[in-house]
Protein backbone atom coordinates (compact mmCIF):
# COMPACT_ATOMS: atom_id res chain seq x y z
CA MET A 1 -105.16 -47.82 -0.30
CA LYS A 2 -101.73 -47.68 -1.83
CA LYS A 3 -100.68 -50.00 -4.38
CA ILE A 4 -97.34 -51.55 -5.38
CA ALA A 5 -96.03 -51.15 -8.66
CA TYR A 6 -92.57 -52.44 -10.34
CA GLN A 7 -91.45 -52.94 -13.45
CA ASN A 8 -91.33 -56.48 -15.13
CA PRO A 9 -88.37 -57.75 -17.18
CA GLN A 10 -90.48 -57.13 -20.37
CA GLY A 11 -90.74 -53.28 -19.90
CA GLY A 12 -94.20 -53.46 -18.47
CA VAL A 13 -95.67 -52.42 -15.01
CA VAL A 14 -97.05 -54.84 -12.62
CA VAL A 15 -99.52 -53.51 -10.02
CA LEU A 16 -100.41 -55.42 -6.98
CA HIS A 17 -103.46 -54.26 -4.84
CA PRO A 18 -103.53 -55.40 -1.50
CA ALA A 19 -106.31 -57.27 -0.57
CA PRO A 20 -108.04 -55.03 2.64
CA TRP A 21 -109.27 -58.36 4.22
CA ALA A 22 -105.52 -59.44 4.66
CA ARG A 23 -104.74 -56.88 6.98
CA LEU A 24 -103.77 -58.11 10.58
CA VAL A 25 -106.24 -57.64 13.33
CA ARG A 26 -106.18 -58.60 17.14
CA LEU A 27 -109.46 -58.78 19.45
CA ALA A 28 -108.90 -55.51 21.62
CA GLY A 29 -108.26 -55.94 25.32
CA GLU A 30 -106.33 -59.30 24.51
CA PRO A 31 -102.76 -58.90 23.90
CA GLY A 32 -102.30 -62.77 24.29
CA ARG A 33 -104.73 -63.65 21.45
CA PRO A 34 -103.09 -64.22 18.14
CA VAL A 35 -102.92 -61.71 15.54
CA VAL A 36 -104.69 -62.89 12.37
CA PRO A 37 -105.95 -61.50 8.97
CA PHE A 38 -109.06 -59.91 9.02
CA ASP A 39 -110.79 -62.33 6.84
CA VAL A 40 -110.16 -64.94 9.47
CA LEU A 41 -111.87 -62.89 12.12
CA ALA A 42 -114.61 -61.90 9.60
CA ARG A 43 -115.41 -65.39 8.88
CA ALA A 44 -115.37 -66.56 12.67
CA TYR A 45 -117.90 -64.02 13.45
CA GLN A 46 -119.93 -63.60 10.10
CA VAL A 47 -118.99 -59.83 9.84
CA THR A 48 -117.96 -57.63 6.74
CA ALA A 49 -116.44 -54.86 8.95
CA ILE A 50 -114.43 -54.66 11.99
CA GLU A 51 -116.97 -52.41 13.90
CA GLN A 52 -119.44 -55.02 13.52
CA LEU A 53 -118.26 -57.87 15.86
CA PRO A 54 -121.26 -58.91 18.36
CA ASN A 55 -121.60 -59.39 22.06
CA GLY A 56 -119.70 -56.37 22.82
CA LEU A 57 -116.38 -57.56 21.20
CA LYS A 58 -113.93 -55.23 19.73
CA ALA A 59 -111.00 -55.63 17.51
CA GLU A 60 -108.02 -53.52 16.62
CA TRP A 61 -105.86 -53.26 13.61
CA ALA A 62 -102.35 -55.10 14.74
CA GLU A 63 -100.85 -52.85 11.95
CA THR A 64 -101.20 -49.62 10.24
CA GLU A 65 -102.15 -49.30 6.59
CA ASP A 66 -98.62 -48.30 5.81
CA GLU A 67 -97.12 -51.01 7.69
CA PHE A 68 -99.70 -53.63 6.07
CA VAL A 69 -98.88 -52.44 2.41
CA GLU A 70 -95.20 -52.61 3.25
CA ARG A 71 -95.59 -56.35 4.67
CA ILE A 72 -97.51 -57.51 1.33
CA ALA A 73 -94.82 -55.62 -0.96
CA ALA A 74 -92.00 -57.30 0.93
CA LYS A 75 -93.72 -60.63 0.53
CA ASP A 76 -95.16 -60.50 -2.95
CA ALA A 77 -92.77 -57.96 -4.77
CA ALA A 78 -89.50 -59.59 -3.13
CA GLY A 79 -86.66 -59.06 -5.56
CA HIS A 80 -88.21 -56.39 -7.49
CA ASP A 81 -87.40 -52.87 -7.03
CA TYR A 82 -90.97 -51.86 -6.12
CA VAL A 83 -92.67 -48.46 -5.44
CA LEU A 84 -95.70 -47.55 -3.45
CA VAL A 85 -98.24 -45.54 -5.50
CA ASP A 86 -101.54 -44.06 -4.65
CA GLU A 87 -102.73 -43.38 -8.05
CA LEU A 88 -102.97 -44.98 -11.33
CA PRO A 89 -103.49 -43.72 -15.12
CA GLU A 90 -107.14 -43.52 -15.41
CA ASP A 91 -107.27 -44.65 -19.08
CA ARG A 92 -106.22 -48.43 -19.01
CA SER A 93 -106.45 -48.96 -22.53
CA LYS A 94 -102.91 -47.76 -22.82
CA ARG A 95 -101.59 -50.15 -19.97
CA ASP A 96 -99.10 -51.31 -22.13
CA ARG A 97 -97.40 -48.00 -22.40
CA TRP A 98 -97.38 -47.82 -18.44
CA ARG A 99 -93.95 -47.21 -16.81
CA LEU A 100 -92.52 -46.27 -13.68
CA VAL A 101 -90.99 -42.60 -13.84
CA ASN A 102 -89.86 -40.89 -10.71
CA GLY A 103 -91.67 -43.02 -8.41
CA ARG A 104 -94.89 -42.87 -10.42
CA VAL A 105 -97.09 -44.88 -12.75
CA GLU A 106 -97.33 -42.91 -16.23
CA VAL A 107 -98.03 -43.50 -19.73
CA VAL A 108 -95.17 -42.89 -22.03
CA GLU A 109 -95.84 -42.12 -25.58
């Protein structure tokens, strides 16, 4: 899943990892049913995956993964020039030198 990154005022990079259980779902075949975050549905039916609903119930994602990440970015990175990134540098020991370069998070020496 994509991550949200933006430069903070001190020059470092803030990386937000959207929580997958916050993605919106609805019970399939019931357009009047409210759209809820997955964790609400999961708690109500005591499941950990959308495919595990009991008694033939089916759920569908109410937003694509990209729509989900954009919704979280608009809420949690409001007021910042953020980018969506697929990858982060593997070496986290140099995290203090992470910078946004051409829409990517890179280690700047």
